[in-house]
Amino acid sequence: MRTVILAVFVVSLVALAPSAHAVNFTCNPVNVASFGNRVHVKCAPGDGAIVFFAVSTTNPGVAQRFTDIAVAALVNNKSLLIQFDPANTTGPSFGCALDNCRPAASIFINK
């Protein structure tokens, strides 16, 4: 008999609780990228026009954990659950465009 160990990764990307307007979105990652000011995951399909979910690189630990989970899902053909506030417009301050990107509040990798 074999024992299978399943690890579930969850990263909360904000120190405060998610906004009352936060929603959950199931993302099928097709791209993970790192830039000087942000890291992002691209989902297909997106949540309407929103196809990118990003975090700022101002906190390198948070950015690295976000990237690690997104890459793990991408290479293992897993989906992600991303929590975000659709009304959050702070993304442009770190390169997350208003027309197709939202800051991620948390990221989960699904089985």
N, C-alpha and C. Protein backbone atom coordinates (compact mmCIF):
# COMPACT_ATOMS: atom_id res chain seq x y z
N MET A 1 0.85 -1.18 0.00
CA MET A 1 0.00 0.00 0.00
C MET A 1 0.89 1.24 0.00
N ARG A 2 0.58 2.18 -0.87
CA ARG A 2 1.35 3.41 -0.95
C ARG A 2 0.62 4.52 -0.21
N THR A 3 1.39 5.38 0.39
CA THR A 3 0.83 6.55 1.05
C THR A 3 1.08 7.75 0.16
N VAL A 4 0.05 8.51 -0.10
CA VAL A 4 0.17 9.69 -0.93
C VAL A 4 0.02 10.91 -0.03
N ILE A 5 0.95 11.82 -0.16
CA ILE A 5 0.89 13.06 0.60
C ILE A 5 0.56 14.19 -0.37
N LEU A 6 -0.47 14.92 -0.06
CA LEU A 6 -0.88 16.04 -0.89
C LEU A 6 -0.65 17.31 -0.10
N ALA A 7 0.11 18.19 -0.67
CA ALA A 7 0.37 19.48 -0.03
C ALA A 7 -0.52 20.52 -0.67
N VAL A 8 -1.16 21.30 0.13
CA VAL A 8 -1.99 22.39 -0.36
C VAL A 8 -1.32 23.68 0.07
N PHE A 9 -1.09 24.55 -0.89
CA PHE A 9 -0.41 25.80 -0.61
C PHE A 9 -1.41 26.94 -0.61
N VAL A 10 -1.30 27.77 0.38
CA VAL A 10 -2.14 28.95 0.48
C VAL A 10 -1.26 30.11 0.89
N VAL A 11 -1.38 31.20 0.22
CA VAL A 11 -0.62 32.39 0.59
C VAL A 11 -1.59 33.54 0.71
N SER A 12 -1.57 34.18 1.85
CA SER A 12 -2.33 35.41 2.01
C SER A 12 -1.38 36.53 1.64
N LEU A 13 -1.78 37.37 0.72
CA LEU A 13 -0.89 38.37 0.18
C LEU A 13 -1.07 39.75 0.80
N VAL A 14 -1.98 39.86 1.73
CA VAL A 14 -2.18 41.13 2.40
C VAL A 14 -2.20 40.90 3.90
N ALA A 15 -1.72 41.88 4.63
CA ALA A 15 -1.69 41.76 6.08
C ALA A 15 -3.08 41.87 6.69
N LEU A 16 -3.95 42.59 6.01
CA LEU A 16 -5.31 42.77 6.50
C LEU A 16 -6.22 41.75 5.86
N ALA A 17 -7.38 41.55 6.45
CA ALA A 17 -8.37 40.65 5.86
C ALA A 17 -8.79 41.20 4.50
N PRO A 18 -9.14 40.30 3.57
CA PRO A 18 -9.59 40.78 2.27
C PRO A 18 -10.80 41.71 2.41
N SER A 19 -10.95 42.58 1.45
CA SER A 19 -12.06 43.52 1.42
C SER A 19 -13.39 42.77 1.46
N ALA A 20 -14.41 43.44 1.94
CA ALA A 20 -15.75 42.85 1.95
C ALA A 20 -16.22 42.59 0.53
N HIS A 21 -15.57 43.22 -0.45
CA HIS A 21 -15.94 43.06 -1.84
C HIS A 21 -15.08 42.03 -2.56
N ALA A 22 -14.23 41.32 -1.83
CA ALA A 22 -13.35 40.34 -2.45
C ALA A 22 -14.17 39.19 -3.03
N VAL A 23 -13.70 38.71 -4.17
CA VAL A 23 -14.33 37.57 -4.83
C VAL A 23 -13.28 36.50 -5.08
N ASN A 24 -13.76 35.29 -5.27
CA ASN A 24 -12.88 34.17 -5.61
C ASN A 24 -12.97 33.93 -7.11
N PHE A 25 -11.83 33.71 -7.73
CA PHE A 25 -11.78 33.44 -9.16
C PHE A 25 -10.91 32.21 -9.40
N THR A 26 -11.44 31.25 -10.14
CA THR A 26 -10.65 30.07 -10.50
C THR A 26 -9.90 30.37 -11.78
N CYS A 27 -8.58 30.30 -11.69
CA CYS A 27 -7.69 30.67 -12.78
C CYS A 27 -6.99 29.44 -13.34
N ASN A 28 -7.03 29.32 -14.65
CA ASN A 28 -6.21 28.33 -15.34
C ASN A 28 -4.99 29.09 -15.86
N PRO A 29 -3.85 28.97 -15.15
CA PRO A 29 -2.69 29.80 -15.51
C PRO A 29 -2.09 29.40 -16.86
N VAL A 30 -1.78 30.42 -17.65
CA VAL A 30 -1.13 30.20 -18.95
C VAL A 30 0.19 30.95 -19.05
N ASN A 31 0.48 31.80 -18.04
CA ASN A 31 1.69 32.61 -18.09
C ASN A 31 1.97 33.12 -16.69
N VAL A 32 3.22 33.04 -16.28
CA VAL A 32 3.67 33.64 -15.02
C VAL A 32 4.87 34.50 -15.37
N ALA A 33 4.87 35.75 -14.91
CA ALA A 33 5.95 36.66 -15.29
C ALA A 33 6.41 37.48 -14.10
N SER A 34 7.67 37.90 -14.19
CA SER A 34 8.27 38.74 -13.15
C SER A 34 8.87 39.97 -13.80
N PHE A 35 8.53 41.12 -13.24
CA PHE A 35 9.04 42.40 -13.70
C PHE A 35 9.68 43.11 -12.52
N GLY A 36 10.31 44.22 -12.74
CA GLY A 36 10.94 44.95 -11.65
C GLY A 36 9.97 45.41 -10.58
N ASN A 37 8.74 45.73 -10.99
CA ASN A 37 7.78 46.30 -10.05
C ASN A 37 6.62 45.37 -9.68
N ARG A 38 6.50 44.22 -10.36
CA ARG A 38 5.39 43.31 -10.08
C ARG A 38 5.71 41.90 -10.57
N VAL A 39 4.93 40.95 -10.05
CA VAL A 39 4.86 39.60 -10.61
C VAL A 39 3.38 39.36 -10.91
N HIS A 40 3.13 38.62 -11.99
CA HIS A 40 1.72 38.37 -12.31
C HIS A 40 1.52 36.98 -12.88
N VAL A 41 0.27 36.57 -12.85
CA VAL A 41 -0.16 35.34 -13.50
C VAL A 41 -1.25 35.74 -14.49
N LYS A 42 -1.20 35.13 -15.68
CA LYS A 42 -2.24 35.36 -16.68
C LYS A 42 -3.14 34.13 -16.69
N CYS A 43 -4.44 34.37 -16.69
CA CYS A 43 -5.43 33.29 -16.66
C CYS A 43 -6.19 33.24 -17.98
N ALA A 44 -6.53 32.03 -18.40
CA ALA A 44 -7.35 31.86 -19.60
C ALA A 44 -8.39 30.79 -19.33
N PRO A 45 -9.66 31.14 -19.35
CA PRO A 45 -10.17 32.49 -19.58
C PRO A 45 -9.99 33.36 -18.34
N GLY A 46 -10.17 34.64 -18.52
CA GLY A 46 -10.10 35.57 -17.40
C GLY A 46 -11.47 35.79 -16.79
N ASP A 47 -11.52 36.72 -15.87
CA ASP A 47 -12.78 37.14 -15.26
C ASP A 47 -13.24 38.35 -16.07
N GLY A 48 -13.91 38.08 -17.17
CA GLY A 48 -14.24 39.14 -18.11
C GLY A 48 -12.95 39.65 -18.75
N ALA A 49 -12.77 40.96 -18.73
CA ALA A 49 -11.56 41.55 -19.30
C ALA A 49 -10.33 41.36 -18.41
N ILE A 50 -10.54 40.99 -17.15
CA ILE A 50 -9.42 40.84 -16.21
C ILE A 50 -8.79 39.47 -16.44
N VAL A 51 -7.58 39.47 -17.01
CA VAL A 51 -6.87 38.22 -17.27
C VAL A 51 -5.57 38.12 -16.47
N PHE A 52 -5.10 39.23 -15.90
CA PHE A 52 -3.87 39.24 -15.10
C PHE A 52 -4.20 39.52 -13.63
N PHE A 53 -3.51 38.82 -12.74
CA PHE A 53 -3.59 39.06 -11.31
C PHE A 53 -2.17 39.23 -10.84
N ALA A 54 -1.90 40.28 -10.08
CA ALA A 54 -0.53 40.65 -9.78
C ALA A 54 -0.34 41.07 -8.33
N VAL A 55 0.93 41.03 -7.91
CA VAL A 55 1.34 41.62 -6.63
C VAL A 55 2.59 42.45 -6.88
N SER A 56 2.74 43.46 -6.07
CA SER A 56 3.90 44.33 -6.14
C SER A 56 5.14 43.60 -5.63
N THR A 57 6.29 44.00 -6.12
CA THR A 57 7.55 43.42 -5.64
C THR A 57 8.14 44.22 -4.47
N THR A 58 7.39 45.17 -3.93
CA THR A 58 7.92 45.94 -2.80
C THR A 58 8.17 45.06 -1.58
N ASN A 59 7.42 43.96 -1.46
CA ASN A 59 7.68 42.96 -0.43
C ASN A 59 8.16 41.70 -1.15
N PRO A 60 9.49 41.51 -1.23
CA PRO A 60 10.03 40.40 -2.01
C PRO A 60 9.53 39.02 -1.55
N GLY A 61 9.29 38.83 -0.27
CA GLY A 61 8.81 37.55 0.23
C GLY A 61 7.43 37.22 -0.31
N VAL A 62 6.54 38.20 -0.30
CA VAL A 62 5.19 38.00 -0.83
C VAL A 62 5.26 37.73 -2.33
N ALA A 63 6.06 38.51 -3.04
CA ALA A 63 6.19 38.33 -4.49
C ALA A 63 6.74 36.94 -4.81
N GLN A 64 7.72 36.47 -4.05
CA GLN A 64 8.29 35.15 -4.29
C GLN A 64 7.29 34.04 -4.02
N ARG A 65 6.53 34.15 -2.94
CA ARG A 65 5.52 33.12 -2.64
C ARG A 65 4.43 33.08 -3.71
N PHE A 66 3.99 34.25 -4.15
CA PHE A 66 3.01 34.33 -5.22
C PHE A 66 3.54 33.63 -6.47
N THR A 67 4.77 33.95 -6.84
CA THR A 67 5.39 33.35 -8.02
C THR A 67 5.54 31.85 -7.87
N ASP A 68 6.01 31.40 -6.71
CA ASP A 68 6.19 29.96 -6.48
C ASP A 68 4.89 29.19 -6.67
N ILE A 69 3.81 29.69 -6.10
CA ILE A 69 2.52 29.00 -6.21
C ILE A 69 2.01 29.05 -7.64
N ALA A 70 2.12 30.19 -8.30
CA ALA A 70 1.65 30.30 -9.68
C ALA A 70 2.44 29.39 -10.62
N VAL A 71 3.75 29.34 -10.46
CA VAL A 71 4.57 28.47 -11.30
C VAL A 71 4.27 27.00 -11.03
N ALA A 72 4.09 26.63 -9.77
CA ALA A 72 3.75 25.24 -9.43
C ALA A 72 2.46 24.82 -10.12
N ALA A 73 1.47 25.69 -10.13
CA ALA A 73 0.20 25.38 -10.80
C ALA A 73 0.40 25.29 -12.31
N LEU A 74 1.16 26.21 -12.87
CA LEU A 74 1.39 26.23 -14.31
C LEU A 74 2.07 24.95 -14.78
N VAL A 75 3.18 24.57 -14.14
CA VAL A 75 3.94 23.41 -14.61
C VAL A 75 3.26 22.08 -14.28
N ASN A 76 2.40 22.06 -13.29
CA ASN A 76 1.70 20.83 -12.91
C ASN A 76 0.27 20.77 -13.42
N ASN A 77 -0.08 21.71 -14.30
CA ASN A 77 -1.41 21.74 -14.91
C ASN A 77 -2.53 21.75 -13.86
N LYS A 78 -2.36 22.59 -12.85
CA LYS A 78 -3.35 22.75 -11.78
C LYS A 78 -4.01 24.12 -11.92
N SER A 79 -5.15 24.27 -11.32
CA SER A 79 -5.80 25.57 -11.32
C SER A 79 -5.46 26.32 -10.03
N LEU A 80 -5.69 27.60 -10.07
CA LEU A 80 -5.48 28.47 -8.92
C LEU A 80 -6.82 29.06 -8.50
N LEU A 81 -6.95 29.33 -7.23
CA LEU A 81 -8.07 30.12 -6.73
C LEU A 81 -7.45 31.44 -6.29
N ILE A 82 -7.85 32.51 -6.92
CA ILE A 82 -7.30 33.83 -6.60
C ILE A 82 -8.41 34.67 -6.00
N GLN A 83 -8.13 35.27 -4.85
CA GLN A 83 -9.07 36.21 -4.24
C GLN A 83 -8.61 37.62 -4.60
N PHE A 84 -9.57 38.43 -5.03
CA PHE A 84 -9.25 39.80 -5.41
C PHE A 84 -10.49 40.66 -5.26
N ASP A 85 -10.27 41.95 -5.18
CA ASP A 85 -11.35 42.93 -5.11
C ASP A 85 -11.47 43.56 -6.50
N PRO A 86 -12.57 43.29 -7.21
CA PRO A 86 -12.72 43.86 -8.56
C PRO A 86 -12.65 45.38 -8.59
N ALA A 87 -12.98 46.03 -7.48
CA ALA A 87 -12.97 47.49 -7.42
C ALA A 87 -11.62 48.07 -7.02
N ASN A 88 -10.65 47.22 -6.72
CA ASN A 88 -9.32 47.70 -6.32
C ASN A 88 -8.62 48.31 -7.52
N THR A 89 -8.33 49.61 -7.43
CA THR A 89 -7.69 50.32 -8.53
C THR A 89 -6.26 50.74 -8.20
N THR A 90 -5.63 50.07 -7.25
CA THR A 90 -4.26 50.43 -6.85
C THR A 90 -3.20 49.82 -7.76
N GLY A 91 -3.59 48.89 -8.62
CA GLY A 91 -2.63 48.18 -9.47
C GLY A 91 -1.72 49.04 -10.33
N PRO A 92 -2.22 50.11 -10.96
CA PRO A 92 -1.33 50.90 -11.81
C PRO A 92 -0.10 51.45 -11.08
N SER A 93 -0.16 51.58 -9.77
CA SER A 93 1.01 52.08 -9.04
C SER A 93 2.19 51.12 -9.12
N PHE A 94 1.93 49.84 -9.48
CA PHE A 94 3.02 48.89 -9.65
C PHE A 94 2.95 48.14 -10.98
N GLY A 95 2.27 48.73 -11.97
CA GLY A 95 2.28 48.19 -13.32
C GLY A 95 1.16 47.25 -13.67
N CYS A 96 0.15 47.13 -12.83
CA CYS A 96 -1.01 46.26 -13.08
C CYS A 96 -2.10 47.15 -13.70
N ALA A 97 -2.28 47.05 -15.02
CA ALA A 97 -3.16 47.96 -15.76
C ALA A 97 -4.62 47.82 -15.35
N LEU A 98 -5.33 48.94 -15.29
CA LEU A 98 -6.74 48.93 -14.89
C LEU A 98 -7.63 48.14 -15.84
N ASP A 99 -7.30 48.11 -17.12
CA ASP A 99 -8.20 47.48 -18.09
C ASP A 99 -8.14 45.95 -18.09
N ASN A 100 -7.05 45.34 -17.58
CA ASN A 100 -6.97 43.88 -17.66
C ASN A 100 -6.28 43.20 -16.47
N CYS A 101 -6.07 43.92 -15.37
CA CYS A 101 -5.31 43.37 -14.24
C CYS A 101 -5.91 43.85 -12.92
N ARG A 102 -5.81 42.99 -11.90
CA ARG A 102 -6.20 43.37 -10.54
C ARG A 102 -5.17 42.83 -9.56
N PRO A 103 -4.93 43.59 -8.48
CA PRO A 103 -4.06 43.08 -7.42
C PRO A 103 -4.68 41.85 -6.75
N ALA A 104 -3.88 40.83 -6.52
CA ALA A 104 -4.35 39.62 -5.86
C ALA A 104 -4.27 39.81 -4.35
N ALA A 105 -5.30 39.38 -3.64
CA ALA A 105 -5.31 39.42 -2.18
C ALA A 105 -4.76 38.12 -1.61
N SER A 106 -5.02 37.01 -2.30
CA SER A 106 -4.48 35.71 -1.88
C SER A 106 -4.51 34.77 -3.07
N ILE A 107 -3.74 33.69 -2.96
CA ILE A 107 -3.65 32.71 -4.04
C ILE A 107 -3.59 31.33 -3.45
N PHE A 108 -4.34 30.40 -4.02
CA PHE A 108 -4.40 29.01 -3.57
C PHE A 108 -4.12 28.14 -4.78
N ILE A 109 -3.45 27.02 -4.59
CA ILE A 109 -3.31 26.05 -5.67
C ILE A 109 -4.31 24.93 -5.40
N ASN A 110 -5.02 24.54 -6.45
CA ASN A 110 -6.05 23.50 -6.33
C ASN A 110 -5.50 22.14 -6.75
N LYS A 111 -6.10 21.13 -6.22
CA LYS A 111 -5.72 19.75 -6.54
C LYS A 111 -6.02 19.45 -7.98
